[in-house]
Amino acid sequence: MDLSIFATPEAWISLLTLMFLEVVLGVDNIVFISITTNRLAPEHQHIGRKLGLLGAMISRCIFLCFASYLVHMTKPLFTLDLGFFQHAFNVRDLVLLAGGTYLIYKGIDELRDVLALTEEKAAHSEEHKQLHRIGLGQAIVTIMVMDLVFSIDSVITAVGLAEHLIIMVMAVIFAIVIMMVFIDAIADFISRHTEMKILALVFISVIGVLLFLDSLGINSGIEVLDMHMEKLMVYFAMVFAVVLELIQMRWGSNLAKWKRERRQNMTDEELHRDVLGE
């Protein structure tokens, strides 16, 4: 292993750039892990998130070790010709097609559970709890499999931006460690605030749609940092929606605090009228 490459500024620039991209491209992975592990028993959620990310790190590093194979992932396997639509499918397309379809299904299915109050019912019913819960092994396997789908873009980006395997592996490891630090806080926050969970599920579904369309060769053709423009637009839209929701939550919190302080100085009759007025 030649570590002399780190004596050059280009190597450090590549490392920092890849770390940033791995974290950005890992947002959808963090959301998926949070939603999946929130269905574990409370005592297994922390270890499930950490093991899921550890498995993701190992699978990505192994994936990177076969970087030369990624070149062959873009070679056509067969062509679908429907007259009005023609596309040559390769290994990458098939993986994205399967992964995108699953994410669309997963997002819609979880949204149905939220609207059906499945989690709330599980807290008060043993029968609903058994239907809602999943096992630790199932959660980890699901996370690792889906990470392969999520990691295709980031791994291909890494191969395109860096020449040395050690830089790519280090970027992945550092990015996963950063995710491990924040995953519990993010997952707990999503679990506590249903509106954030709904946003996350819509985000997962939209990412699934983008992966599905990308597998069919349907995209803008405009790339920024080796990412399609429409994917960046979805990320920006998600950030905007989260910021807007955080502002709304802060307003609600301030309003509730003001009402509590105001009612402390009210008489029983005034308090009764105030409650009826709401």
C-alpha atoms as a PDB file:
ATOM      1  CA  MET A   1       0.000   0.000   0.000  1.00  0.00           C
ATOM      2  CA  ASP A   2       1.567   3.256  -1.168  1.00  0.00           C
ATOM      3  CA  LEU A   3       0.780   6.001   1.381  1.00  0.00           C
ATOM      4  CA  SER A   4       2.987   8.530  -0.404  1.00  0.00           C
ATOM      5  CA  ILE A   5      -0.079   9.651  -2.360  1.00  0.00           C
ATOM      6  CA  PHE A   6      -1.188  11.556   0.747  1.00  0.00           C
ATOM      7  CA  ALA A   7       1.807  13.852   0.296  1.00  0.00           C
ATOM      8  CA  THR A   8      -0.055  15.456  -2.611  1.00  0.00           C
ATOM      9  CA  PRO A   9      -2.885  18.017  -2.193  1.00  0.00           C
ATOM     10  CA  GLU A  10      -4.880  16.257  -4.921  1.00  0.00           C
ATOM     11  CA  ALA A  11      -5.268  13.183  -2.717  1.00  0.00           C
ATOM     12  CA  TRP A  12      -6.629  15.209   0.221  1.00  0.00           C
ATOM     13  CA  ILE A  13      -8.990  17.139  -2.052  1.00  0.00           C
ATOM     14  CA  SER A  14     -10.278  13.849  -3.471  1.00  0.00           C
ATOM     15  CA  LEU A  15     -10.720  12.421   0.038  1.00  0.00           C
ATOM     16  CA  LEU A  16     -12.649  15.437   1.366  1.00  0.00           C
ATOM     17  CA  THR A  17     -14.788  15.644  -1.777  1.00  0.00           C
ATOM     18  CA  LEU A  18     -15.671  11.955  -1.610  1.00  0.00           C
ATOM     19  CA  MET A  19     -16.450  12.181   2.121  1.00  0.00           C
ATOM     20  CA  PHE A  20     -18.861  15.042   1.434  1.00  0.00           C
ATOM     21  CA  LEU A  21     -20.508  13.178  -1.451  1.00  0.00           C
ATOM     22  CA  GLU A  22     -20.782   9.954   0.555  1.00  0.00           C
ATOM     23  CA  VAL A  23     -22.608  11.815   3.340  1.00  0.00           C
ATOM     24  CA  VAL A  24     -24.899  13.667   0.911  1.00  0.00           C
ATOM     25  CA  LEU A  25     -25.656  10.543  -1.111  1.00  0.00           C
ATOM     26  CA  GLY A  26     -26.138   8.649   2.163  1.00  0.00           C
ATOM     27  CA  VAL A  27     -29.071  10.807   3.307  1.00  0.00           C
ATOM     28  CA  ASP A  28     -31.601   8.478   1.689  1.00  0.00           C
ATOM     29  CA  ASN A  29     -29.820   5.525   3.289  1.00  0.00           C
ATOM     30  CA  ILE A  30     -30.017   7.137   6.747  1.00  0.00           C
ATOM     31  CA  VAL A  31     -33.741   7.782   6.299  1.00  0.00           C
ATOM     32  CA  PHE A  32     -34.335   4.178   5.218  1.00  0.00           C
ATOM     33  CA  ILE A  33     -32.320   2.816   8.162  1.00  0.00           C
ATOM     34  CA  SER A  34     -34.216   5.073  10.590  1.00  0.00           C
ATOM     35  CA  ILE A  35     -37.615   3.930   9.337  1.00  0.00           C
ATOM     36  CA  THR A  36     -36.613   0.254   9.233  1.00  0.00           C
ATOM     37  CA  THR A  37     -35.043   0.132  12.708  1.00  0.00           C
ATOM     38  CA  ASN A  38     -37.937   2.043  14.272  1.00  0.00           C
ATOM     39  CA  ARG A  39     -39.953  -1.153  13.770  1.00  0.00           C
ATOM     40  CA  LEU A  40     -37.543  -3.073  16.006  1.00  0.00           C
ATOM     41  CA  ALA A  41     -38.164  -3.579  19.707  1.00  0.00           C
ATOM     42  CA  PRO A  42     -36.913  -0.472  21.611  1.00  0.00           C
ATOM     43  CA  GLU A  43     -34.014  -2.390  23.181  1.00  0.00           C
ATOM     44  CA  HIS A  44     -32.774  -3.482  19.714  1.00  0.00           C
ATOM     45  CA  GLN A  45     -33.078  -0.195  17.847  1.00  0.00           C
ATOM     46  CA  HIS A  46     -29.684   1.261  18.823  1.00  0.00           C
ATOM     47  CA  ILE A  47     -27.706  -1.889  18.015  1.00  0.00           C
ATOM     48  CA  GLY A  48     -29.781  -2.428  14.863  1.00  0.00           C
ATOM     49  CA  ARG A  49     -28.812   0.996  13.506  1.00  0.00           C
ATOM     50  CA  LYS A  50     -25.146   0.523  14.301  1.00  0.00           C
ATOM     51  CA  LEU A  51     -24.987  -3.018  12.875  1.00  0.00           C
ATOM     52  CA  GLY A  52     -26.921  -1.891   9.805  1.00  0.00           C
ATOM     53  CA  LEU A  53     -24.416   0.893   9.131  1.00  0.00           C
ATOM     54  CA  LEU A  54     -21.493  -1.431   9.866  1.00  0.00           C
ATOM     55  CA  GLY A  55     -22.849  -3.940   7.369  1.00  0.00           C
ATOM     56  CA  ALA A  56     -23.335  -1.109   4.871  1.00  0.00           C
ATOM     57  CA  MET A  57     -19.718  -0.033   5.338  1.00  0.00           C
ATOM     58  CA  ILE A  58     -18.391  -3.555   4.813  1.00  0.00           C
ATOM     59  CA  SER A  59     -20.536  -4.131   1.709  1.00  0.00           C
ATOM     60  CA  ARG A  60     -19.466  -0.790   0.196  1.00  0.00           C
ATOM     61  CA  CYS A  61     -15.775  -1.469   0.825  1.00  0.00           C
ATOM     62  CA  ILE A  62     -16.099  -4.899  -0.786  1.00  0.00           C
ATOM     63  CA  PHE A  63     -17.974  -3.260  -3.655  1.00  0.00           C
ATOM     64  CA  LEU A  64     -15.115  -0.778  -4.105  1.00  0.00           C
ATOM     65  CA  CYS A  65     -12.546  -3.581  -4.169  1.00  0.00           C
ATOM     66  CA  PHE A  66     -14.202  -4.772  -7.353  1.00  0.00           C
ATOM     67  CA  ALA A  67     -14.046  -1.316  -8.898  1.00  0.00           C
ATOM     68  CA  SER A  68     -12.873  -2.723 -12.236  1.00  0.00           C
ATOM     69  CA  TYR A  69     -16.098  -4.738 -12.429  1.00  0.00           C
ATOM     70  CA  LEU A  70     -18.115  -1.516 -12.259  1.00  0.00           C
ATOM     71  CA  VAL A  71     -16.958  -0.750 -15.792  1.00  0.00           C
ATOM     72  CA  HIS A  72     -18.703  -3.907 -16.982  1.00  0.00           C
ATOM     73  CA  MET A  73     -21.896  -2.986 -15.102  1.00  0.00           C
ATOM     74  CA  THR A  74     -22.636  -0.484 -17.863  1.00  0.00           C
ATOM     75  CA  LYS A  75     -22.273  -2.994 -20.719  1.00  0.00           C
ATOM     76  CA  PRO A  76     -25.687  -3.882 -22.223  1.00  0.00           C
ATOM     77  CA  LEU A  77     -27.110  -7.323 -21.428  1.00  0.00           C
ATOM     78  CA  PHE A  78     -30.262  -7.089 -23.550  1.00  0.00           C
ATOM     79  CA  THR A  79     -32.380  -4.480 -25.302  1.00  0.00           C
ATOM     80  CA  LEU A  80     -36.069  -3.766 -24.759  1.00  0.00           C
ATOM     81  CA  ASP A  81     -37.727  -2.430 -27.904  1.00  0.00           C
ATOM     82  CA  LEU A  82     -41.393  -1.450 -27.695  1.00  0.00           C
ATOM     83  CA  GLY A  83     -41.360   0.768 -30.740  1.00  0.00           C
ATOM     84  CA  PHE A  84     -42.079   4.012 -28.867  1.00  0.00           C
ATOM     85  CA  PHE A  85     -39.480   3.096 -26.204  1.00  0.00           C
ATOM     86  CA  GLN A  86     -36.112   1.451 -26.601  1.00  0.00           C
ATOM     87  CA  HIS A  87     -33.509   0.862 -23.909  1.00  0.00           C
ATOM     88  CA  ALA A  88     -30.468  -1.392 -23.506  1.00  0.00           C
ATOM     89  CA  PHE A  89     -30.454  -2.820 -19.978  1.00  0.00           C
ATOM     90  CA  ASN A  90     -27.228  -3.529 -18.069  1.00  0.00           C
ATOM     91  CA  VAL A  91     -26.514  -4.899 -14.583  1.00  0.00           C
ATOM     92  CA  ARG A  92     -26.718  -1.438 -13.012  1.00  0.00           C
ATOM     93  CA  ASP A  93     -30.130  -0.823 -14.600  1.00  0.00           C
ATOM     94  CA  LEU A  94     -31.535  -4.114 -13.312  1.00  0.00           C
ATOM     95  CA  VAL A  95     -30.326  -3.401  -9.763  1.00  0.00           C
ATOM     96  CA  LEU A  96     -31.785   0.119  -9.879  1.00  0.00           C
ATOM     97  CA  LEU A  97     -35.048  -1.226 -11.304  1.00  0.00           C
ATOM     98  CA  ALA A  98     -35.441  -3.761  -8.489  1.00  0.00           C
ATOM     99  CA  GLY A  99     -34.310  -1.325  -5.803  1.00  0.00           C
ATOM    100  CA  GLY A 100     -36.469   1.528  -7.062  1.00  0.00           C
ATOM    101  CA  THR A 101     -39.538  -0.702  -7.230  1.00  0.00           C
ATOM    102  CA  TYR A 102     -38.949  -1.892  -3.667  1.00  0.00           C
ATOM    103  CA  LEU A 103     -38.496   1.669  -2.354  1.00  0.00           C
ATOM    104  CA  ILE A 104     -41.747   2.791  -3.997  1.00  0.00           C
ATOM    105  CA  TYR A 105     -43.539  -0.172  -2.428  1.00  0.00           C
ATOM    106  CA  LYS A 106     -41.848   0.369   0.960  1.00  0.00           C
ATOM    107  CA  GLY A 107     -42.621   4.085   1.061  1.00  0.00           C
ATOM    108  CA  ILE A 108     -46.290   3.656   0.120  1.00  0.00           C
ATOM    109  CA  ASP A 109     -46.729   0.673   2.460  1.00  0.00           C
ATOM    110  CA  GLU A 110     -45.231   2.572   5.415  1.00  0.00           C
ATOM    111  CA  LEU A 111     -47.383   5.616   4.605  1.00  0.00           C
ATOM    112  CA  ARG A 112     -50.455   3.390   4.727  1.00  0.00           C
ATOM    113  CA  ASP A 113     -49.331   2.170   8.159  1.00  0.00           C
ATOM    114  CA  VAL A 114     -48.943   5.766   9.373  1.00  0.00           C
ATOM    115  CA  LEU A 115     -52.416   6.724   8.131  1.00  0.00           C
ATOM    116  CA  ALA A 116     -53.873   3.550   9.687  1.00  0.00           C
ATOM    117  CA  LEU A 117     -52.275   4.520  13.050  1.00  0.00           C
ATOM    118  CA  THR A 118     -50.488   1.164  13.143  1.00  0.00           C
ATOM    119  CA  GLU A 119     -47.721   2.373  15.481  1.00  0.00           C
ATOM    120  CA  GLU A 120     -50.207   3.962  17.888  1.00  0.00           C
ATOM    121  CA  LYS A 121     -52.301   0.793  17.925  1.00  0.00           C
ATOM    122  CA  ALA A 122     -49.182  -1.318  18.486  1.00  0.00           C
ATOM    123  CA  ALA A 123     -48.473   0.653  21.677  1.00  0.00           C
ATOM    124  CA  HIS A 124     -51.817  -0.438  23.134  1.00  0.00           C
ATOM    125  CA  SER A 125     -52.375  -3.857  21.580  1.00  0.00           C
ATOM    126  CA  GLU A 126     -50.180  -6.946  21.670  1.00  0.00           C
ATOM    127  CA  GLU A 127     -51.723  -8.185  18.426  1.00  0.00           C
ATOM    128  CA  HIS A 128     -50.869  -5.001  16.529  1.00  0.00           C
ATOM    129  CA  LYS A 129     -47.419  -4.929  18.152  1.00  0.00           C
ATOM    130  CA  GLN A 130     -46.569  -8.359  16.728  1.00  0.00           C
ATOM    131  CA  LEU A 131     -47.699  -7.265  13.257  1.00  0.00           C
ATOM    132  CA  HIS A 132     -45.689  -4.051  13.442  1.00  0.00           C
ATOM    133  CA  ARG A 133     -42.429  -5.450  14.866  1.00  0.00           C
ATOM    134  CA  ILE A 134     -39.640  -7.020  12.786  1.00  0.00           C
ATOM    135  CA  GLY A 135     -36.630  -9.041  13.933  1.00  0.00           C
ATOM    136  CA  LEU A 136     -33.083  -7.715  14.298  1.00  0.00           C
ATOM    137  CA  GLY A 137     -31.714 -10.077  11.644  1.00  0.00           C
ATOM    138  CA  GLN A 138     -34.437  -9.129   9.174  1.00  0.00           C
ATOM    139  CA  ALA A 139     -33.747  -5.435   9.710  1.00  0.00           C
ATOM    140  CA  ILE A 140     -29.971  -5.786   9.201  1.00  0.00           C
ATOM    141  CA  VAL A 141     -30.326  -7.912   6.051  1.00  0.00           C
ATOM    142  CA  THR A 142     -32.871  -5.454   4.617  1.00  0.00           C
ATOM    143  CA  ILE A 143     -30.556  -2.508   5.346  1.00  0.00           C
ATOM    144  CA  MET A 144     -27.529  -4.232   3.782  1.00  0.00           C
ATOM    145  CA  VAL A 145     -29.424  -5.222   0.634  1.00  0.00           C
ATOM    146  CA  MET A 146     -30.885  -1.752   0.155  1.00  0.00           C
ATOM    147  CA  ASP A 147     -27.488  -0.171   0.821  1.00  0.00           C
ATOM    148  CA  LEU A 148     -26.181  -1.938  -2.279  1.00  0.00           C
ATOM    149  CA  VAL A 149     -28.858  -0.119  -4.276  1.00  0.00           C
ATOM    150  CA  PHE A 150     -28.132   3.224  -2.604  1.00  0.00           C
ATOM    151  CA  SER A 151     -24.375   2.764  -2.939  1.00  0.00           C
ATOM    152  CA  ILE A 152     -24.307   2.213  -6.710  1.00  0.00           C
ATOM    153  CA  ASP A 153     -24.324   5.941  -7.467  1.00  0.00           C
ATOM    154  CA  SER A 154     -21.862   6.815  -4.704  1.00  0.00           C
ATOM    155  CA  VAL A 155     -19.472   3.995  -5.614  1.00  0.00           C
ATOM    156  CA  ILE A 156     -19.513   4.880  -9.307  1.00  0.00           C
ATOM    157  CA  THR A 157     -18.965   8.523  -8.319  1.00  0.00           C
ATOM    158  CA  ALA A 158     -16.026   7.499  -6.119  1.00  0.00           C
ATOM    159  CA  VAL A 159     -14.439   5.508  -8.942  1.00  0.00           C
ATOM    160  CA  GLY A 160     -14.846   8.493 -11.241  1.00  0.00           C
ATOM    161  CA  LEU A 161     -13.377  11.050  -8.830  1.00  0.00           C
ATOM    162  CA  ALA A 162     -10.514   9.114  -7.231  1.00  0.00           C
ATOM    163  CA  GLU A 163      -7.751   7.029  -8.736  1.00  0.00           C
ATOM    164  CA  HIS A 164      -6.637   5.186  -5.598  1.00  0.00           C
ATOM    165  CA  LEU A 165      -8.637   2.513  -3.769  1.00  0.00           C
ATOM    166  CA  ILE A 166      -7.337   3.561  -0.329  1.00  0.00           C
ATOM    167  CA  ILE A 167      -8.849   7.064  -0.791  1.00  0.00           C
ATOM    168  CA  MET A 168     -12.217   5.623  -1.796  1.00  0.00           C
ATOM    169  CA  VAL A 169     -12.283   3.187   1.149  1.00  0.00           C
ATOM    170  CA  MET A 170     -11.221   5.862   3.652  1.00  0.00           C
ATOM    171  CA  ALA A 171     -13.954   8.205   2.383  1.00  0.00           C
ATOM    172  CA  VAL A 172     -16.571   5.488   2.860  1.00  0.00           C
ATOM    173  CA  ILE A 173     -15.333   4.615   6.371  1.00  0.00           C
ATOM    174  CA  PHE A 174     -15.211   8.257   7.532  1.00  0.00           C
ATOM    175  CA  ALA A 175     -18.680   8.949   6.065  1.00  0.00           C
ATOM    176  CA  ILE A 176     -20.194   5.877   7.767  1.00  0.00           C
ATOM    177  CA  VAL A 177     -18.605   6.867  11.101  1.00  0.00           C
ATOM    178  CA  ILE A 178     -20.199  10.327  10.776  1.00  0.00           C
ATOM    179  CA  MET A 179     -23.555   8.662  10.058  1.00  0.00           C
ATOM    180  CA  MET A 180     -23.135   6.412  13.114  1.00  0.00           C
ATOM    181  CA  VAL A 181     -22.702   9.480  15.319  1.00  0.00           C
ATOM    182  CA  PHE A 182     -25.957  11.087  14.177  1.00  0.00           C
ATOM    183  CA  ILE A 183     -28.158   8.094  13.251  1.00  0.00           C
ATOM    184  CA  ASP A 184     -29.750   7.655  16.704  1.00  0.00           C
ATOM    185  CA  ALA A 185     -30.688  11.338  17.009  1.00  0.00           C
ATOM    186  CA  ILE A 186     -32.117  11.389  13.480  1.00  0.00           C
ATOM    187  CA  ALA A 187     -34.057   8.136  13.924  1.00  0.00           C
ATOM    188  CA  ASP A 188     -35.483   9.206  17.296  1.00  0.00           C
ATOM    189  CA  PHE A 189     -36.454  12.604  15.895  1.00  0.00           C
ATOM    190  CA  ILE A 190     -38.279  10.995  12.949  1.00  0.00           C
ATOM    191  CA  SER A 191     -40.005   8.560  15.313  1.00  0.00           C
ATOM    192  CA  ARG A 192     -41.190  11.321  17.692  1.00  0.00           C
ATOM    193  CA  HIS A 193     -42.560  13.600  14.980  1.00  0.00           C
ATOM    194  CA  THR A 194     -45.076  11.946  12.676  1.00  0.00           C
ATOM    195  CA  GLU A 195     -44.950  14.848  10.216  1.00  0.00           C
ATOM    196  CA  MET A 196     -41.203  14.246   9.768  1.00  0.00           C
ATOM    197  CA  LYS A 197     -41.825  10.535   9.286  1.00  0.00           C
ATOM    198  CA  ILE A 198     -44.352  11.311   6.561  1.00  0.00           C
ATOM    199  CA  LEU A 199     -41.822  13.608   4.855  1.00  0.00           C
ATOM    200  CA  ALA A 200     -39.157  10.894   5.099  1.00  0.00           C
ATOM    201  CA  LEU A 201     -41.491   8.282   3.598  1.00  0.00           C
ATOM    202  CA  VAL A 202     -42.441  10.578   0.725  1.00  0.00           C
ATOM    203  CA  PHE A 203     -38.713  11.206   0.185  1.00  0.00           C
ATOM    204  CA  ILE A 204     -38.045   7.455   0.085  1.00  0.00           C
ATOM    205  CA  SER A 205     -40.868   6.959  -2.432  1.00  0.00           C
ATOM    206  CA  VAL A 206     -39.622   9.786  -4.673  1.00  0.00           C
ATOM    207  CA  ILE A 207     -36.065   8.408  -4.582  1.00  0.00           C
ATOM    208  CA  GLY A 208     -37.563   5.053  -5.601  1.00  0.00           C
ATOM    209  CA  VAL A 209     -39.297   6.709  -8.559  1.00  0.00           C
ATOM    210  CA  LEU A 210     -36.008   8.370  -9.608  1.00  0.00           C
ATOM    211  CA  LEU A 211     -34.142   5.048  -9.394  1.00  0.00           C
ATOM    212  CA  PHE A 212     -36.907   3.337 -11.383  1.00  0.00           C
ATOM    213  CA  LEU A 213     -36.825   6.006 -14.119  1.00  0.00           C
ATOM    214  CA  ASP A 214     -33.013   6.020 -14.142  1.00  0.00           C
ATOM    215  CA  SER A 215     -33.013   2.258 -14.738  1.00  0.00           C
ATOM    216  CA  LEU A 216     -35.088   2.920 -17.871  1.00  0.00           C
ATOM    217  CA  GLY A 217     -32.673   5.588 -19.043  1.00  0.00           C
ATOM    218  CA  ILE A 218     -35.163   8.383 -18.347  1.00  0.00           C
ATOM    219  CA  ASN A 219     -33.322  11.333 -16.821  1.00  0.00           C
ATOM    220  CA  SER A 220     -32.430  14.944 -17.501  1.00  0.00           C
ATOM    221  CA  GLY A 221     -28.975  14.119 -18.811  1.00  0.00           C
ATOM    222  CA  ILE A 222     -27.627  17.043 -16.766  1.00  0.00           C
ATOM    223  CA  GLU A 223     -25.091  16.014 -14.133  1.00  0.00           C
ATOM    224  CA  VAL A 224     -23.506  17.904 -11.245  1.00  0.00           C
ATOM    225  CA  LEU A 225     -20.706  16.089  -9.374  1.00  0.00           C
ATOM    226  CA  ASP A 226     -21.694  12.910 -11.265  1.00  0.00           C
ATOM    227  CA  MET A 227     -25.273  13.153  -9.928  1.00  0.00           C
ATOM    228  CA  HIS A 228     -28.325  13.742 -12.101  1.00  0.00           C
ATOM    229  CA  MET A 229     -29.822  17.195 -11.640  1.00  0.00           C
ATOM    230  CA  GLU A 230     -33.271  15.817 -10.747  1.00  0.00           C
ATOM    231  CA  LYS A 231     -31.823  13.922  -7.785  1.00  0.00           C
ATOM    232  CA  LEU A 232     -30.180  17.081  -6.468  1.00  0.00           C
ATOM    233  CA  MET A 233     -33.498  18.896  -6.919  1.00  0.00           C
ATOM    234  CA  VAL A 234     -35.226  16.243  -4.784  1.00  0.00           C
ATOM    235  CA  TYR A 235     -32.572  16.653  -2.081  1.00  0.00           C
ATOM    236  CA  PHE A 236     -33.007  20.449  -2.104  1.00  0.00           C
ATOM    237  CA  ALA A 237     -36.791  20.095  -2.000  1.00  0.00           C
ATOM    238  CA  MET A 238     -36.474  17.715   0.943  1.00  0.00           C
ATOM    239  CA  VAL A 239     -34.188  20.131   2.819  1.00  0.00           C
ATOM    240  CA  PHE A 240     -36.609  22.997   2.125  1.00  0.00           C
ATOM    241  CA  ALA A 241     -39.568  20.931   3.399  1.00  0.00           C
ATOM    242  CA  VAL A 242     -37.674  19.898   6.551  1.00  0.00           C
ATOM    243  CA  VAL A 243     -36.632  23.497   7.315  1.00  0.00           C
ATOM    244  CA  LEU A 244     -40.225  24.658   6.784  1.00  0.00           C
ATOM    245  CA  GLU A 245     -41.507  21.922   9.095  1.00  0.00           C
ATOM    246  CA  LEU A 246     -38.939  22.780  11.766  1.00  0.00           C
ATOM    247  CA  ILE A 247     -40.063  26.417  11.672  1.00  0.00           C
ATOM    248  CA  GLN A 248     -43.688  25.273  11.974  1.00  0.00           C
ATOM    249  CA  MET A 249     -42.800  23.030  14.931  1.00  0.00           C
ATOM    250  CA  ARG A 250     -40.948  25.886  16.653  1.00  0.00           C
ATOM    251  CA  TRP A 251     -43.968  28.154  16.151  1.00  0.00           C
ATOM    252  CA  GLY A 252     -46.263  25.498  17.608  1.00  0.00           C
ATOM    253  CA  SER A 253     -43.963  25.043  20.596  1.00  0.00           C
ATOM    254  CA  ASN A 254     -43.797  28.807  21.253  1.00  0.00           C
ATOM    255  CA  LEU A 255     -47.590  29.096  20.921  1.00  0.00           C
ATOM    256  CA  ALA A 256     -48.193  26.253  23.392  1.00  0.00           C
ATOM    257  CA  LYS A 257     -45.720  27.783  25.870  1.00  0.00           C
ATOM    258  CA  TRP A 258     -47.386  31.213  25.593  1.00  0.00           C
ATOM    259  CA  LYS A 259     -50.830  29.673  26.175  1.00  0.00           C
ATOM    260  CA  ARG A 260     -49.607  27.841  29.286  1.00  0.00           C
ATOM    261  CA  GLU A 261     -48.102  31.000  30.739  1.00  0.00           C
ATOM    262  CA  ARG A 262     -51.216  33.018  29.863  1.00  0.00           C
ATOM    263  CA  ARG A 263     -53.585  30.522  31.471  1.00  0.00           C
ATOM    264  CA  GLN A 264     -51.646  30.495  34.731  1.00  0.00           C
ATOM    265  CA  ASN A 265     -53.009  33.974  35.489  1.00  0.00           C
ATOM    266  CA  MET A 266     -56.607  33.248  34.455  1.00  0.00           C
ATOM    267  CA  THR A 267     -59.575  32.655  36.727  1.00  0.00           C
ATOM    268  CA  ASP A 268     -61.495  29.390  36.363  1.00  0.00           C
ATOM    269  CA  GLU A 269     -64.247  31.164  34.408  1.00  0.00           C
ATOM    270  CA  GLU A 270     -61.784  32.819  32.025  1.00  0.00           C
ATOM    271  CA  LEU A 271     -59.939  29.526  31.571  1.00  0.00           C
ATOM    272  CA  HIS A 272     -63.228  27.764  30.765  1.00  0.00           C
ATOM    273  CA  ARG A 273     -64.135  30.390  28.151  1.00  0.00           C
ATOM    274  CA  ASP A 274     -60.633  30.237  26.668  1.00  0.00           C
ATOM    275  CA  VAL A 275     -60.777  26.433  26.291  1.00  0.00           C
ATOM    276  CA  LEU A 276     -64.235  26.603  24.708  1.00  0.00           C
ATOM    277  CA  GLY A 277     -63.001  29.282  22.339  1.00  0.00           C
ATOM    278  CA  GLU A 278     -60.410  26.878  20.917  1.00  0.00           C
END
